[in-house]
Amino acid sequence: MYYEINVSLHGMHFFATAERSLKTASVCKAVYKEFVKAFSKSKGYELSITCVQTHNVMLNIEDLK
């Protein structure tokens, strides 16, 4: 699991954090607080947070088609 902060500018994608950047909720909160300061709504920026949850599935060779 990891968190991703997405930044848009005037409704278009500007950038997003990398998968390896935000591994915990506390780190995500800290980075988000800094981003709010750097990317203000008054300048057209919008921020969103996504929590990406992944899972692994064990397979036998016979399961592969």
C-alpha atoms as a PDB file:
ATOM      1  CA  MET A   1       0.000   0.000   0.000  1.00  0.00           C
ATOM      2  CA  TYR A   2       1.109   3.538  -0.684  1.00  0.00           C
ATOM      3  CA  TYR A   3      -0.346   7.014  -0.993  1.00  0.00           C
ATOM      4  CA  GLU A   4      -0.210   9.290  -4.000  1.00  0.00           C
ATOM      5  CA  ILE A   5      -0.689  13.044  -3.972  1.00  0.00           C
ATOM      6  CA  ASN A   6      -1.901  14.386  -7.295  1.00  0.00           C
ATOM      7  CA  VAL A   7      -1.526  18.039  -8.198  1.00  0.00           C
ATOM      8  CA  SER A   8      -3.558  19.659 -10.966  1.00  0.00           C
ATOM      9  CA  LEU A   9      -3.255  23.190 -12.323  1.00  0.00           C
ATOM     10  CA  HIS A  10      -6.352  24.817 -13.793  1.00  0.00           C
ATOM     11  CA  GLY A  11      -8.001  21.394 -14.033  1.00  0.00           C
ATOM     12  CA  MET A  12      -5.152  19.636 -15.846  1.00  0.00           C
ATOM     13  CA  HIS A  13      -2.675  17.125 -14.421  1.00  0.00           C
ATOM     14  CA  PHE A  14       0.485  18.858 -13.221  1.00  0.00           C
ATOM     15  CA  PHE A  15       2.300  16.052 -11.393  1.00  0.00           C
ATOM     16  CA  ALA A  16       1.929  13.231  -8.869  1.00  0.00           C
ATOM     17  CA  THR A  17       4.180  11.736  -6.244  1.00  0.00           C
ATOM     18  CA  ALA A  18       5.912   8.466  -7.032  1.00  0.00           C
ATOM     19  CA  GLU A  19       4.861   5.083  -5.642  1.00  0.00           C
ATOM     20  CA  ARG A  20       7.971   4.899  -3.485  1.00  0.00           C
ATOM     21  CA  SER A  21       7.456   8.349  -1.914  1.00  0.00           C
ATOM     22  CA  LEU A  22       4.549   8.037   0.523  1.00  0.00           C
ATOM     23  CA  LYS A  23       4.454   4.673   2.261  1.00  0.00           C
ATOM     24  CA  THR A  24       2.617   5.727   5.453  1.00  0.00           C
ATOM     25  CA  ALA A  25      -0.351   7.935   6.303  1.00  0.00           C
ATOM     26  CA  SER A  26       1.777  10.100   8.584  1.00  0.00           C
ATOM     27  CA  VAL A  27       4.320  10.812   5.849  1.00  0.00           C
ATOM     28  CA  CYS A  28       1.492  11.547   3.422  1.00  0.00           C
ATOM     29  CA  LYS A  29      -0.061  14.039   5.859  1.00  0.00           C
ATOM     30  CA  ALA A  30       3.259  15.804   6.392  1.00  0.00           C
ATOM     31  CA  VAL A  31       3.950  16.112   2.662  1.00  0.00           C
ATOM     32  CA  TYR A  32       0.368  17.205   1.946  1.00  0.00           C
ATOM     33  CA  LYS A  33       0.671  20.031   4.503  1.00  0.00           C
ATOM     34  CA  GLU A  34       3.769  21.294   2.693  1.00  0.00           C
ATOM     35  CA  PHE A  35       2.140  20.965  -0.722  1.00  0.00           C
ATOM     36  CA  VAL A  36      -0.830  23.046   0.443  1.00  0.00           C
ATOM     37  CA  LYS A  37       1.617  25.845   1.229  1.00  0.00           C
ATOM     38  CA  ALA A  38       3.462  25.523  -2.089  1.00  0.00           C
ATOM     39  CA  PHE A  39       0.472  24.942  -4.399  1.00  0.00           C
ATOM     40  CA  SER A  40      -2.260  27.377  -3.416  1.00  0.00           C
ATOM     41  CA  LYS A  41      -5.840  27.269  -4.675  1.00  0.00           C
ATOM     42  CA  SER A  42      -5.616  30.975  -5.437  1.00  0.00           C
ATOM     43  CA  LYS A  43      -3.032  30.139  -8.125  1.00  0.00           C
ATOM     44  CA  GLY A  44      -5.256  27.446  -9.644  1.00  0.00           C
ATOM     45  CA  TYR A  45      -3.822  24.341  -7.993  1.00  0.00           C
ATOM     46  CA  GLU A  46      -5.911  21.454  -6.653  1.00  0.00           C
ATOM     47  CA  LEU A  47      -4.595  18.577  -4.549  1.00  0.00           C
ATOM     48  CA  SER A  48      -6.003  15.097  -4.092  1.00  0.00           C
ATOM     49  CA  ILE A  49      -4.831  12.012  -2.242  1.00  0.00           C
ATOM     50  CA  THR A  50      -5.241   8.431  -3.407  1.00  0.00           C
ATOM     51  CA  CYS A  51      -4.551   5.368  -1.305  1.00  0.00           C
ATOM     52  CA  VAL A  52      -3.353   2.573  -3.581  1.00  0.00           C
ATOM     53  CA  GLN A  53      -3.811  -0.899  -2.149  1.00  0.00           C
ATOM     54  CA  THR A  54      -2.208  -3.819  -3.915  1.00  0.00           C
ATOM     55  CA  HIS A  55      -2.348  -7.535  -3.316  1.00  0.00           C
ATOM     56  CA  ASN A  56      -0.439 -10.564  -4.478  1.00  0.00           C
ATOM     57  CA  VAL A  57      -1.936 -13.842  -5.608  1.00  0.00           C
ATOM     58  CA  MET A  58       0.056 -17.049  -5.434  1.00  0.00           C
ATOM     59  CA  LEU A  59      -0.269 -19.142  -8.596  1.00  0.00           C
ATOM     60  CA  ASN A  60       0.704 -22.597  -9.703  1.00  0.00           C
ATOM     61  CA  ILE A  61       2.155 -22.956 -13.171  1.00  0.00           C
ATOM     62  CA  GLU A  62      -1.063 -24.692 -14.205  1.00  0.00           C
ATOM     63  CA  ASP A  63      -3.034 -21.525 -13.370  1.00  0.00           C
ATOM     64  CA  LEU A  64      -1.294 -19.595 -16.154  1.00  0.00           C
ATOM     65  CA  LYS A  65      -3.081 -19.700 -19.473  1.00  0.00           C
END
